[in-house]
């Protein structure tokens, strides 16, 4: 089974661009990767940027904000929270993070899903 880690916040980011700056690495002039704040906080052991989804929108219950995320029909019903959010990050396998609880965003847990083959 694959895993998705779910993080959220409300009022922290003013735009989708700000959310992505928090998540995505930057690069030096020599092409060396500089880890983003999020990458440093959760300590990626394995990193695949195409398996991270960032959602930014109007404040809503988190489950509503996450409607339409990858494999959501398999794992979203497991997310039990009354938390409202306007931004969320879903980190899917094959990404492996060492310390999800150390993120400065609220961590909601890890949920299993079956990847399409």
PDB file of N, CA and C in Angstrom:
ATOM      1  N   UNK A   1       0.844  -1.190   0.000  1.00  0.00           N
ATOM      2  CA  UNK A   1       0.000   0.000   0.000  1.00  0.00           C
ATOM      3  C   UNK A   1       0.886   1.250   0.000  1.00  0.00           C
ATOM      4  N   UNK A   2       0.395   2.273  -0.630  1.00  0.00           N
ATOM      5  CA  UNK A   2       1.080   3.557  -0.665  1.00  0.00           C
ATOM      6  C   UNK A   2       0.529   4.440   0.461  1.00  0.00           C
ATOM      7  N   UNK A   3       1.221   5.541   0.725  1.00  0.00           N
ATOM      8  CA  UNK A   3       0.850   6.426   1.827  1.00  0.00           C
ATOM      9  C   UNK A   3       0.790   7.868   1.358  1.00  0.00           C
ATOM     10  N   UNK A   4      -0.179   8.612   1.896  1.00  0.00           N
ATOM     11  CA  UNK A   4      -0.238  10.059   1.707  1.00  0.00           C
ATOM     12  C   UNK A   4      -0.213  10.711   3.092  1.00  0.00           C
ATOM     13  N   UNK A   5       0.640  11.725   3.243  1.00  0.00           N
ATOM     14  CA  UNK A   5       0.706  12.537   4.458  1.00  0.00           C
ATOM     15  C   UNK A   5      -0.027  13.842   4.164  1.00  0.00           C
ATOM     16  N   UNK A   6      -0.859  14.292   5.117  1.00  0.00           N
ATOM     17  CA  UNK A   6      -1.694  15.467   4.889  1.00  0.00           C
ATOM     18  C   UNK A   6      -1.354  16.563   5.901  1.00  0.00           C
ATOM     19  N   UNK A   7      -1.132  17.775   5.372  1.00  0.00           N
ATOM     20  CA  UNK A   7      -0.808  18.952   6.167  1.00  0.00           C
ATOM     21  C   UNK A   7      -1.763  20.077   5.766  1.00  0.00           C
ATOM     22  N   UNK A   8      -2.069  20.984   6.701  1.00  0.00           N
ATOM     23  CA  UNK A   8      -2.939  22.102   6.344  1.00  0.00           C
ATOM     24  C   UNK A   8      -2.629  23.333   7.188  1.00  0.00           C
ATOM     25  N   UNK A   9      -3.158  24.457   6.735  1.00  0.00           N
ATOM     26  CA  UNK A   9      -3.072  25.700   7.502  1.00  0.00           C
ATOM     27  C   UNK A   9      -4.193  26.632   7.066  1.00  0.00           C
ATOM     28  N   UNK A  10      -4.395  27.652   7.866  1.00  0.00           N
ATOM     29  CA  UNK A  10      -5.388  28.675   7.532  1.00  0.00           C
ATOM     30  C   UNK A  10      -4.774  30.033   7.828  1.00  0.00           C
ATOM     31  N   UNK A  11      -4.759  30.880   6.820  1.00  0.00           N
ATOM     32  CA  UNK A  11      -4.276  32.240   6.985  1.00  0.00           C
ATOM     33  C   UNK A  11      -2.771  32.406   6.924  1.00  0.00           C
ATOM     34  N   UNK A  12      -2.047  31.362   6.717  1.00  0.00           N
ATOM     35  CA  UNK A  12      -0.586  31.441   6.694  1.00  0.00           C
ATOM     36  C   UNK A  12      -0.054  31.963   5.361  1.00  0.00           C
ATOM     37  N   UNK A  13      -0.673  31.559   4.264  1.00  0.00           N
ATOM     38  CA  UNK A  13      -0.195  31.927   2.935  1.00  0.00           C
ATOM     39  C   UNK A  13      -1.184  32.878   2.275  1.00  0.00           C
ATOM     40  N   UNK A  14      -0.657  33.886   1.587  1.00  0.00           N
ATOM     41  CA  UNK A  14      -1.513  34.860   0.924  1.00  0.00           C
ATOM     42  C   UNK A  14      -1.858  34.507  -0.505  1.00  0.00           C
ATOM     43  N   UNK A  15      -1.205  33.455  -1.022  1.00  0.00           N
ATOM     44  CA  UNK A  15      -1.448  33.074  -2.413  1.00  0.00           C
ATOM     45  C   UNK A  15      -0.920  31.669  -2.650  1.00  0.00           C
ATOM     46  N   UNK A  16      -1.299  31.111  -3.789  1.00  0.00           N
ATOM     47  CA  UNK A  16      -0.764  29.821  -4.197  1.00  0.00           C
ATOM     48  C   UNK A  16       0.752  29.920  -4.379  1.00  0.00           C
ATOM     49  N   UNK A  17       1.202  31.049  -4.886  1.00  0.00           N
ATOM     50  CA  UNK A  17       2.641  31.266  -5.092  1.00  0.00           C
ATOM     51  C   UNK A  17       3.405  31.177  -3.765  1.00  0.00           C
ATOM     52  N   UNK A  18       2.888  31.791  -2.716  1.00  0.00           N
ATOM     53  CA  UNK A  18       3.544  31.732  -1.402  1.00  0.00           C
ATOM     54  C   UNK A  18       3.586  30.295  -0.873  1.00  0.00           C
ATOM     55  N   UNK A  19       2.502  29.554  -1.069  1.00  0.00           N
ATOM     56  CA  UNK A  19       2.458  28.155  -0.641  1.00  0.00           C
ATOM     57  C   UNK A  19       3.530  27.356  -1.379  1.00  0.00           C
ATOM     58  N   UNK A  20       3.641  27.549  -2.665  1.00  0.00           N
ATOM     59  CA  UNK A  20       4.632  26.812  -3.460  1.00  0.00           C
ATOM     60  C   UNK A  20       6.067  27.198  -3.087  1.00  0.00           C
ATOM     61  N   UNK A  21       6.294  28.447  -2.725  1.00  0.00           N
ATOM     62  CA  UNK A  21       7.625  28.851  -2.268  1.00  0.00           C
ATOM     63  C   UNK A  21       8.006  28.109  -0.992  1.00  0.00           C
ATOM     64  N   UNK A  22       7.045  27.842  -0.146  1.00  0.00           N
ATOM     65  CA  UNK A  22       7.272  27.099   1.087  1.00  0.00           C
ATOM     66  C   UNK A  22       7.632  25.634   0.800  1.00  0.00           C
ATOM     67  N   UNK A  23       7.068  25.075  -0.272  1.00  0.00           N
ATOM     68  CA  UNK A  23       7.217  23.652  -0.579  1.00  0.00           C
ATOM     69  C   UNK A  23       8.402  23.353  -1.496  1.00  0.00           C
ATOM     70  N   UNK A  24       8.568  24.128  -2.545  1.00  0.00           N
ATOM     71  CA  UNK A  24       9.486  23.775  -3.628  1.00  0.00           C
ATOM     72  C   UNK A  24      10.919  24.245  -3.366  1.00  0.00           C
ATOM     73  N   UNK A  25      11.892  23.414  -3.720  1.00  0.00           N
ATOM     74  CA  UNK A  25      13.286  23.816  -3.548  1.00  0.00           C
ATOM     75  C   UNK A  25      13.659  24.915  -4.539  1.00  0.00           C
ATOM     76  N   UNK A  26      14.752  25.584  -4.243  1.00  0.00           N
ATOM     77  CA  UNK A  26      15.336  26.535  -5.183  1.00  0.00           C
ATOM     78  C   UNK A  26      16.689  25.958  -5.615  1.00  0.00           C
ATOM     79  N   UNK A  27      17.361  26.658  -6.504  1.00  0.00           N
ATOM     80  CA  UNK A  27      18.625  26.153  -7.032  1.00  0.00           C
ATOM     81  C   UNK A  27      19.663  27.267  -7.064  1.00  0.00           C
ATOM     82  N   UNK A  28      20.904  26.901  -6.791  1.00  0.00           N
ATOM     83  CA  UNK A  28      22.004  27.857  -6.874  1.00  0.00           C
ATOM     84  C   UNK A  28      22.351  28.091  -8.336  1.00  0.00           C
ATOM     85  N   UNK A  29      23.219  29.051  -8.578  1.00  0.00           N
ATOM     86  CA  UNK A  29      23.673  29.315  -9.946  1.00  0.00           C
ATOM     87  C   UNK A  29      24.368  28.099 -10.545  1.00  0.00           C
ATOM     88  N   UNK A  30      24.952  27.269  -9.702  1.00  0.00           N
ATOM     89  CA  UNK A  30      25.636  26.060 -10.163  1.00  0.00           C
ATOM     90  C   UNK A  30      24.684  24.889 -10.362  1.00  0.00           C
ATOM     91  N   UNK A  31      23.398  25.090 -10.056  1.00  0.00           N
ATOM     92  CA  UNK A  31      22.413  24.038 -10.243  1.00  0.00           C
ATOM     93  C   UNK A  31      22.221  23.133  -9.040  1.00  0.00           C
ATOM     94  N   UNK A  32      22.835  23.475  -7.919  1.00  0.00           N
ATOM     95  CA  UNK A  32      22.669  22.675  -6.707  1.00  0.00           C
ATOM     96  C   UNK A  32      21.325  23.000  -6.061  1.00  0.00           C
ATOM     97  N   UNK A  33      20.636  21.966  -5.616  1.00  0.00           N
ATOM     98  CA  UNK A  33      19.331  22.142  -4.986  1.00  0.00           C
ATOM     99  C   UNK A  33      19.482  22.687  -3.573  1.00  0.00           C
ATOM    100  N   UNK A  34      18.625  23.659  -3.248  1.00  0.00           N
ATOM    101  CA  UNK A  34      18.539  24.215  -1.899  1.00  0.00           C
ATOM    102  C   UNK A  34      17.164  23.837  -1.369  1.00  0.00           C
ATOM    103  N   UNK A  35      17.132  23.039  -0.314  1.00  0.00           N
ATOM    104  CA  UNK A  35      15.865  22.544   0.235  1.00  0.00           C
ATOM    105  C   UNK A  35      14.974  23.701   0.680  1.00  0.00           C
ATOM    106  N   UNK A  36      13.687  23.533   0.467  1.00  0.00           N
ATOM    107  CA  UNK A  36      12.701  24.518   0.917  1.00  0.00           C
ATOM    108  C   UNK A  36      12.497  24.379   2.428  1.00  0.00           C
ATOM    109  N   UNK A  37      11.783  25.341   3.012  1.00  0.00           N
ATOM    110  CA  UNK A  37      11.460  25.252   4.443  1.00  0.00           C
ATOM    111  C   UNK A  37      10.716  23.957   4.746  1.00  0.00           C
ATOM    112  N   UNK A  38       9.728  23.630   3.929  1.00  0.00           N
ATOM    113  CA  UNK A  38       8.949  22.411   4.161  1.00  0.00           C
ATOM    114  C   UNK A  38       9.836  21.175   4.077  1.00  0.00           C
ATOM    115  N   UNK A  39      10.707  21.131   3.083  1.00  0.00           N
ATOM    116  CA  UNK A  39      11.595  19.982   2.913  1.00  0.00           C
ATOM    117  C   UNK A  39      12.485  19.793   4.149  1.00  0.00           C
ATOM    118  N   UNK A  40      12.990  20.903   4.694  1.00  0.00           N
ATOM    119  CA  UNK A  40      13.840  20.813   5.883  1.00  0.00           C
ATOM    120  C   UNK A  40      13.025  20.391   7.108  1.00  0.00           C
ATOM    121  N   UNK A  41      11.819  20.914   7.238  1.00  0.00           N
ATOM    122  CA  UNK A  41      10.993  20.607   8.411  1.00  0.00           C
ATOM    123  C   UNK A  41      10.642  19.125   8.509  1.00  0.00           C
ATOM    124  N   UNK A  42      10.230  18.519   7.404  1.00  0.00           N
ATOM    125  CA  UNK A  42       9.777  17.118   7.451  1.00  0.00           C
ATOM    126  C   UNK A  42      10.893  16.135   7.126  1.00  0.00           C
ATOM    127  N   UNK A  43      12.026  16.604   6.687  1.00  0.00           N
ATOM    128  CA  UNK A  43      13.214  15.798   6.425  1.00  0.00           C
ATOM    129  C   UNK A  43      12.931  14.656   5.445  1.00  0.00           C
ATOM    130  N   UNK A  44      12.865  14.997   4.178  1.00  0.00           N
ATOM    131  CA  UNK A  44      12.627  14.002   3.134  1.00  0.00           C
ATOM    132  C   UNK A  44      13.763  12.985   3.084  1.00  0.00           C
ATOM    133  N   UNK A  45      13.408  11.719   3.126  1.00  0.00           N
ATOM    134  CA  UNK A  45      14.379  10.640   2.895  1.00  0.00           C
ATOM    135  C   UNK A  45      14.409  10.312   1.407  1.00  0.00           C
ATOM    136  N   UNK A  46      13.224  10.333   0.776  1.00  0.00           N
ATOM    137  CA  UNK A  46      13.090  10.157  -0.667  1.00  0.00           C
ATOM    138  C   UNK A  46      12.206  11.302  -1.146  1.00  0.00           C
ATOM    139  N   UNK A  47      12.569  11.910  -2.283  1.00  0.00           N
ATOM    140  CA  UNK A  47      11.864  13.092  -2.759  1.00  0.00           C
ATOM    141  C   UNK A  47      11.516  12.954  -4.234  1.00  0.00           C
ATOM    142  N   UNK A  48      10.220  13.004  -4.514  1.00  0.00           N
ATOM    143  CA  UNK A  48       9.704  13.006  -5.886  1.00  0.00           C
ATOM    144  C   UNK A  48       8.707  14.161  -5.978  1.00  0.00           C
ATOM    145  N   UNK A  49       9.122  15.304  -6.548  1.00  0.00           N
ATOM    146  CA  UNK A  49       8.258  16.482  -6.557  1.00  0.00           C
ATOM    147  C   UNK A  49       6.924  16.286  -7.275  1.00  0.00           C
ATOM    148  N   UNK A  50       6.858  15.370  -8.230  1.00  0.00           N
ATOM    149  CA  UNK A  50       5.605  15.155  -8.965  1.00  0.00           C
ATOM    150  C   UNK A  50       4.568  14.427  -8.115  1.00  0.00           C
ATOM    151  N   UNK A  51       4.949  13.972  -6.935  1.00  0.00           N
ATOM    152  CA  UNK A  51       4.020  13.259  -6.055  1.00  0.00           C
ATOM    153  C   UNK A  51       3.662  14.100  -4.835  1.00  0.00           C
ATOM    154  N   UNK A  52       3.674  15.413  -5.015  1.00  0.00           N
ATOM    155  CA  UNK A  52       3.252  16.340  -3.965  1.00  0.00           C
ATOM    156  C   UNK A  52       2.181  17.240  -4.564  1.00  0.00           C
ATOM    157  N   UNK A  53       1.058  17.349  -3.874  1.00  0.00           N
ATOM    158  CA  UNK A  53      -0.011  18.225  -4.332  1.00  0.00           C
ATOM    159  C   UNK A  53      -0.203  19.352  -3.332  1.00  0.00           C
ATOM    160  N   UNK A  54      -0.241  20.571  -3.840  1.00  0.00           N
ATOM    161  CA  UNK A  54      -0.478  21.759  -3.029  1.00  0.00           C
ATOM    162  C   UNK A  54      -1.836  22.326  -3.416  1.00  0.00           C
ATOM    163  N   UNK A  55      -2.665  22.577  -2.421  1.00  0.00           N
ATOM    164  CA  UNK A  55      -4.011  23.085  -2.663  1.00  0.00           C
ATOM    165  C   UNK A  55      -4.149  24.412  -1.931  1.00  0.00           C
ATOM    166  N   UNK A  56      -4.563  25.444  -2.645  1.00  0.00           N
ATOM    167  CA  UNK A  56      -4.792  26.757  -2.053  1.00  0.00           C
ATOM    168  C   UNK A  56      -6.167  27.230  -2.506  1.00  0.00           C
ATOM    169  N   UNK A  57      -6.976  27.728  -1.574  1.00  0.00           N
ATOM    170  CA  UNK A  57      -8.309  28.194  -1.940  1.00  0.00           C
ATOM    171  C   UNK A  57      -8.945  28.976  -0.821  1.00  0.00           C
ATOM    172  N   UNK A  58     -10.251  29.123  -0.906  1.00  0.00           N
ATOM    173  CA  UNK A  58     -10.991  29.796   0.154  1.00  0.00           C
ATOM    174  C   UNK A  58     -11.084  28.884   1.361  1.00  0.00           C
ATOM    175  N   UNK A  59     -11.116  29.481   2.530  1.00  0.00           N
ATOM    176  CA  UNK A  59     -11.223  28.697   3.758  1.00  0.00           C
ATOM    177  C   UNK A  59     -12.485  27.843   3.720  1.00  0.00           C
ATOM    178  N   UNK A  60     -12.307  26.573   4.056  1.00  0.00           N
ATOM    179  CA  UNK A  60     -13.398  25.600   4.036  1.00  0.00           C
ATOM    180  C   UNK A  60     -12.998  24.443   4.945  1.00  0.00           C
ATOM    181  N   UNK A  61     -13.954  23.584   5.293  1.00  0.00           N
ATOM    182  CA  UNK A  61     -13.555  22.371   6.003  1.00  0.00           C
ATOM    183  C   UNK A  61     -12.499  21.632   5.184  1.00  0.00           C
ATOM    184  N   UNK A  62     -11.489  21.122   5.855  1.00  0.00           N
ATOM    185  CA  UNK A  62     -10.363  20.503   5.160  1.00  0.00           C
ATOM    186  C   UNK A  62     -10.797  19.417   4.190  1.00  0.00           C
ATOM    187  N   UNK A  63     -11.748  18.594   4.584  1.00  0.00           N
ATOM    188  CA  UNK A  63     -12.210  17.510   3.708  1.00  0.00           C
ATOM    189  C   UNK A  63     -12.759  18.089   2.403  1.00  0.00           C
ATOM    190  N   UNK A  64     -13.452  19.221   2.467  1.00  0.00           N
ATOM    191  CA  UNK A  64     -13.966  19.863   1.246  1.00  0.00           C
ATOM    192  C   UNK A  64     -12.824  20.428   0.410  1.00  0.00           C
ATOM    193  N   UNK A  65     -11.851  21.063   1.054  1.00  0.00           N
ATOM    194  CA  UNK A  65     -10.714  21.635   0.338  1.00  0.00           C
ATOM    195  C   UNK A  65      -9.956  20.554  -0.431  1.00  0.00           C
ATOM    196  N   UNK A  66      -9.908  19.358   0.124  1.00  0.00           N
ATOM    197  CA  UNK A  66      -9.138  18.265  -0.478  1.00  0.00           C
ATOM    198  C   UNK A  66      -9.919  17.451  -1.512  1.00  0.00           C
ATOM    199  N   UNK A  67     -11.171  17.781  -1.764  1.00  0.00           N
ATOM    200  CA  UNK A  67     -11.938  17.068  -2.786  1.00  0.00           C
ATOM    201  C   UNK A  67     -11.205  17.182  -4.123  1.00  0.00           C
ATOM    202  N   UNK A  68     -11.045  16.082  -4.801  1.00  0.00           N
ATOM    203  CA  UNK A  68     -10.386  16.080  -6.094  1.00  0.00           C
ATOM    204  C   UNK A  68      -8.904  15.762  -6.032  1.00  0.00           C
ATOM    205  N   UNK A  69      -8.364  15.555  -4.827  1.00  0.00           N
ATOM    206  CA  UNK A  69      -6.951  15.174  -4.745  1.00  0.00           C
ATOM    207  C   UNK A  69      -6.772  13.742  -5.231  1.00  0.00           C
ATOM    208  N   UNK A  70      -5.568  13.409  -5.597  1.00  0.00           N
ATOM    209  CA  UNK A  70      -5.274  12.073  -6.112  1.00  0.00           C
ATOM    210  C   UNK A  70      -5.659  11.004  -5.099  1.00  0.00           C
ATOM    211  N   UNK A  71      -6.317   9.987  -5.589  1.00  0.00           N
ATOM    212  CA  UNK A  71      -6.737   8.827  -4.792  1.00  0.00           C
ATOM    213  C   UNK A  71      -7.642   9.207  -3.615  1.00  0.00           C
ATOM    214  N   UNK A  72      -8.182  10.405  -3.630  1.00  0.00           N
ATOM    215  CA  UNK A  72      -9.008  10.881  -2.526  1.00  0.00           C
ATOM    216  C   UNK A  72     -10.178   9.973  -2.203  1.00  0.00           C
ATOM    217  N   UNK A  73     -10.730   9.329  -3.226  1.00  0.00           N
ATOM    218  CA  UNK A  73     -11.858   8.428  -2.989  1.00  0.00           C
ATOM    219  C   UNK A  73     -11.454   7.247  -2.113  1.00  0.00           C
ATOM    220  N   UNK A  74     -10.164   6.970  -1.993  1.00  0.00           N
ATOM    221  CA  UNK A  74      -9.686   5.849  -1.183  1.00  0.00           C
ATOM    222  C   UNK A  74      -9.327   6.247   0.249  1.00  0.00           C
ATOM    223  N   UNK A  75      -8.827   7.450   0.447  1.00  0.00           N
ATOM    224  CA  UNK A  75      -8.304   7.794   1.772  1.00  0.00           C
ATOM    225  C   UNK A  75      -9.001   8.958   2.454  1.00  0.00           C
ATOM    226  N   UNK A  76      -9.707   9.793   1.718  1.00  0.00           N
ATOM    227  CA  UNK A  76     -10.279  11.006   2.298  1.00  0.00           C
ATOM    228  C   UNK A  76     -11.300  10.723   3.396  1.00  0.00           C
ATOM    229  N   UNK A  77     -12.021   9.620   3.293  1.00  0.00           N
ATOM    230  CA  UNK A  77     -13.007   9.283   4.333  1.00  0.00           C
ATOM    231  C   UNK A  77     -12.345   8.947   5.670  1.00  0.00           C
ATOM    232  N   UNK A  78     -11.054   8.633   5.654  1.00  0.00           N
ATOM    233  CA  UNK A  78     -10.318   8.333   6.889  1.00  0.00           C
ATOM    234  C   UNK A  78      -9.909   9.604   7.636  1.00  0.00           C
ATOM    235  N   UNK A  79      -9.931  10.728   6.954  1.00  0.00           N
ATOM    236  CA  UNK A  79      -9.523  12.003   7.540  1.00  0.00           C
ATOM    237  C   UNK A  79     -10.689  12.560   8.357  1.00  0.00           C
ATOM    238  N   UNK A  80     -10.585  12.440   9.654  1.00  0.00           N
ATOM    239  CA  UNK A  80     -11.648  12.895  10.550  1.00  0.00           C
ATOM    240  C   UNK A  80     -11.154  14.146  11.257  1.00  0.00           C
ATOM    241  N   UNK A  81     -11.699  15.286  10.861  1.00  0.00           N
ATOM    242  CA  UNK A  81     -11.307  16.552  11.462  1.00  0.00           C
ATOM    243  C   UNK A  81     -12.397  17.579  11.227  1.00  0.00           C
ATOM    244  N   UNK A  82     -12.503  18.548  12.127  1.00  0.00           N
ATOM    245  CA  UNK A  82     -13.399  19.678  11.907  1.00  0.00           C
ATOM    246  C   UNK A  82     -12.577  20.929  11.610  1.00  0.00           C
ATOM    247  N   UNK A  83     -11.330  20.722  11.215  1.00  0.00           N
ATOM    248  CA  UNK A  83     -10.386  21.795  10.941  1.00  0.00           C
ATOM    249  C   UNK A  83     -10.738  22.497   9.628  1.00  0.00           C
ATOM    250  N   UNK A  84     -10.810  23.829   9.653  1.00  0.00           N
ATOM    251  CA  UNK A  84     -10.966  24.621   8.436  1.00  0.00           C
ATOM    252  C   UNK A  84      -9.582  25.004   7.935  1.00  0.00           C
ATOM    253  N   UNK A  85      -9.419  25.071   6.629  1.00  0.00           N
ATOM    254  CA  UNK A  85      -8.124  25.406   6.051  1.00  0.00           C
ATOM    255  C   UNK A  85      -8.315  26.125   4.723  1.00  0.00           C
ATOM    256  N   UNK A  86      -7.299  26.904   4.355  1.00  0.00           N
ATOM    257  CA  UNK A  86      -7.296  27.508   3.024  1.00  0.00           C
ATOM    258  C   UNK A  86      -6.091  27.039   2.208  1.00  0.00           C
ATOM    259  N   UNK A  87      -5.257  26.203   2.824  1.00  0.00           N
ATOM    260  CA  UNK A  87      -4.142  25.614   2.104  1.00  0.00           C
ATOM    261  C   UNK A  87      -3.844  24.234   2.673  1.00  0.00           C
ATOM    262  N   UNK A  88      -3.382  23.359   1.798  1.00  0.00           N
ATOM    263  CA  UNK A  88      -3.065  21.995   2.214  1.00  0.00           C
ATOM    264  C   UNK A  88      -1.952  21.447   1.331  1.00  0.00           C
ATOM    265  N   UNK A  89      -1.229  20.495   1.896  1.00  0.00           N
ATOM    266  CA  UNK A  89      -0.187  19.787   1.164  1.00  0.00           C
ATOM    267  C   UNK A  89      -0.432  18.298   1.356  1.00  0.00           C
ATOM    268  N   UNK A  90      -0.430  17.563   0.256  1.00  0.00           N
ATOM    269  CA  UNK A  90      -0.535  16.103   0.289  1.00  0.00           C
ATOM    270  C   UNK A  90       0.761  15.552  -0.288  1.00  0.00           C
ATOM    271  N   UNK A  91       1.467  14.775   0.516  1.00  0.00           N
ATOM    272  CA  UNK A  91       2.745  14.190   0.109  1.00  0.00           C
ATOM    273  C   UNK A  91       2.520  12.698  -0.100  1.00  0.00           C
ATOM    274  N   UNK A  92       2.551  12.272  -1.351  1.00  0.00           N
ATOM    275  CA  UNK A  92       2.244  10.900  -1.736  1.00  0.00           C
ATOM    276  C   UNK A  92       3.517  10.069  -1.901  1.00  0.00           C
ATOM    277  N   UNK A  93       3.363   8.747  -1.776  1.00  0.00           N
ATOM    278  CA  UNK A  93       4.444   7.823  -2.129  1.00  0.00           C
ATOM    279  C   UNK A  93       4.772   8.055  -3.601  1.00  0.00           C
ATOM    280  N   UNK A  94       6.018   7.970  -3.987  1.00  0.00           N
ATOM    281  CA  UNK A  94       7.149   7.320  -3.343  1.00  0.00           C
ATOM    282  C   UNK A  94       7.917   8.222  -2.382  1.00  0.00           C
ATOM    283  N   UNK A  95       7.416   9.446  -2.117  1.00  0.00           N
ATOM    284  CA  UNK A  95       8.081  10.299  -1.150  1.00  0.00           C
ATOM    285  C   UNK A  95       8.105   9.619   0.212  1.00  0.00           C
ATOM    286  N   UNK A  96       9.191   9.801   0.923  1.00  0.00           N
ATOM    287  CA  UNK A  96       9.323   9.293   2.281  1.00  0.00           C
ATOM    288  C   UNK A  96       9.802  10.456   3.135  1.00  0.00           C
ATOM    289  N   UNK A  97       9.026  10.772   4.172  1.00  0.00           N
ATOM    290  CA  UNK A  97       9.424  11.847   5.078  1.00  0.00           C
ATOM    291  C   UNK A  97       9.686  11.260   6.458  1.00  0.00           C
ATOM    292  N   UNK A  98      10.723  11.767   7.100  1.00  0.00           N
ATOM    293  CA  UNK A  98      11.170  11.191   8.380  1.00  0.00           C
ATOM    294  C   UNK A  98      10.394  11.735   9.576  1.00  0.00           C
ATOM    295  N   UNK A  99      10.110  13.036   9.589  1.00  0.00           N
ATOM    296  CA  UNK A  99       9.507  13.653  10.776  1.00  0.00           C
ATOM    297  C   UNK A  99       8.323  14.558  10.396  1.00  0.00           C
ATOM    298  N   UNK A 100       7.217  13.974   9.977  1.00  0.00           N
ATOM    299  CA  UNK A 100       6.083  14.805   9.553  1.00  0.00           C
ATOM    300  C   UNK A 100       5.541  15.698  10.672  1.00  0.00           C
ATOM    301  N   UNK A 101       5.645  15.246  11.910  1.00  0.00           N
ATOM    302  CA  UNK A 101       5.141  16.037  13.035  1.00  0.00           C
ATOM    303  C   UNK A 101       5.932  17.317  13.273  1.00  0.00           C
ATOM    304  N   UNK A 102       7.092  17.452  12.656  1.00  0.00           N
ATOM    305  CA  UNK A 102       7.893  18.652  12.869  1.00  0.00           C
ATOM    306  C   UNK A 102       7.555  19.770  11.889  1.00  0.00           C
ATOM    307  N   UNK A 103       6.604  19.537  10.999  1.00  0.00           N
ATOM    308  CA  UNK A 103       6.191  20.577  10.051  1.00  0.00           C
ATOM    309  C   UNK A 103       5.542  21.736  10.805  1.00  0.00           C
ATOM    310  N   UNK A 104       5.739  22.935  10.314  1.00  0.00           N
ATOM    311  CA  UNK A 104       5.111  24.097  10.939  1.00  0.00           C
ATOM    312  C   UNK A 104       3.635  24.220  10.555  1.00  0.00           C
ATOM    313  N   UNK A 105       3.193  23.422   9.589  1.00  0.00           N
ATOM    314  CA  UNK A 105       1.763  23.322   9.264  1.00  0.00           C
ATOM    315  C   UNK A 105       1.159  22.224  10.134  1.00  0.00           C
ATOM    316  N   UNK A 106      -0.149  22.237  10.282  1.00  0.00           N
ATOM    317  CA  UNK A 106      -0.821  21.194  11.060  1.00  0.00           C
ATOM    318  C   UNK A 106      -0.723  19.865  10.309  1.00  0.00           C
ATOM    319  N   UNK A 107      -0.264  18.845  11.016  1.00  0.00           N
ATOM    320  CA  UNK A 107      -0.154  17.515  10.428  1.00  0.00           C
ATOM    321  C   UNK A 107      -1.369  16.694  10.831  1.00  0.00           C
ATOM    322  N   UNK A 108      -2.061  16.119   9.834  1.00  0.00           N
ATOM    323  CA  UNK A 108      -3.291  15.368  10.085  1.00  0.00           C
ATOM    324  C   UNK A 108      -3.106  13.864  10.057  1.00  0.00           C
ATOM    325  N   UNK A 109      -1.935  13.397   9.643  1.00  0.00           N
ATOM    326  CA  UNK A 109      -1.679  11.973   9.655  1.00  0.00           C
ATOM    327  C   UNK A 109      -1.333  11.420   8.292  1.00  0.00           C
ATOM    328  N   UNK A 110      -1.090  10.100   8.316  1.00  0.00           N
ATOM    329  CA  UNK A 110      -0.742   9.352   7.100  1.00  0.00           C
ATOM    330  C   UNK A 110      -1.879   8.388   6.806  1.00  0.00           C
ATOM    331  N   UNK A 111      -2.253   8.290   5.541  1.00  0.00           N
ATOM    332  CA  UNK A 111      -3.382   7.474   5.119  1.00  0.00           C
ATOM    333  C   UNK A 111      -2.948   6.576   3.971  1.00  0.00           C
ATOM    334  N   UNK A 112      -3.413   5.348   3.997  1.00  0.00           N
ATOM    335  CA  UNK A 112      -3.026   4.402   2.958  1.00  0.00           C
ATOM    336  C   UNK A 112      -4.004   4.432   1.798  1.00  0.00           C
ATOM    337  N   UNK A 113      -3.486   4.133   0.619  1.00  0.00           N
ATOM    338  CA  UNK A 113      -4.297   4.028  -0.604  1.00  0.00           C
ATOM    339  C   UNK A 113      -3.614   3.055  -1.537  1.00  0.00           C
ATOM    340  N   UNK A 114      -4.347   2.585  -2.502  1.00  0.00           N
ATOM    341  CA  UNK A 114      -3.823   1.630  -3.487  1.00  0.00           C
ATOM    342  C   UNK A 114      -3.518   2.410  -4.766  1.00  0.00           C
ATOM    343  N   UNK A 115      -2.256   2.405  -5.178  1.00  0.00           N
ATOM    344  CA  UNK A 115      -1.876   3.072  -6.416  1.00  0.00           C
ATOM    345  C   UNK A 115      -2.347   2.292  -7.613  1.00  0.00           C
ATOM    346  N   UNK A 116      -2.689   2.999  -8.674  1.00  0.00           N
ATOM    347  CA  UNK A 116      -3.076   2.353  -9.930  1.00  0.00           C
ATOM    348  C   UNK A 116      -1.844   1.684 -10.534  1.00  0.00           C
ATOM    349  N   UNK A 117      -2.044   0.532 -11.135  1.00  0.00           N
ATOM    350  CA  UNK A 117      -0.919  -0.175 -11.752  1.00  0.00           C
ATOM    351  C   UNK A 117      -1.005  -0.136 -13.255  1.00  0.00           C
TER     352      UNK A 117
END
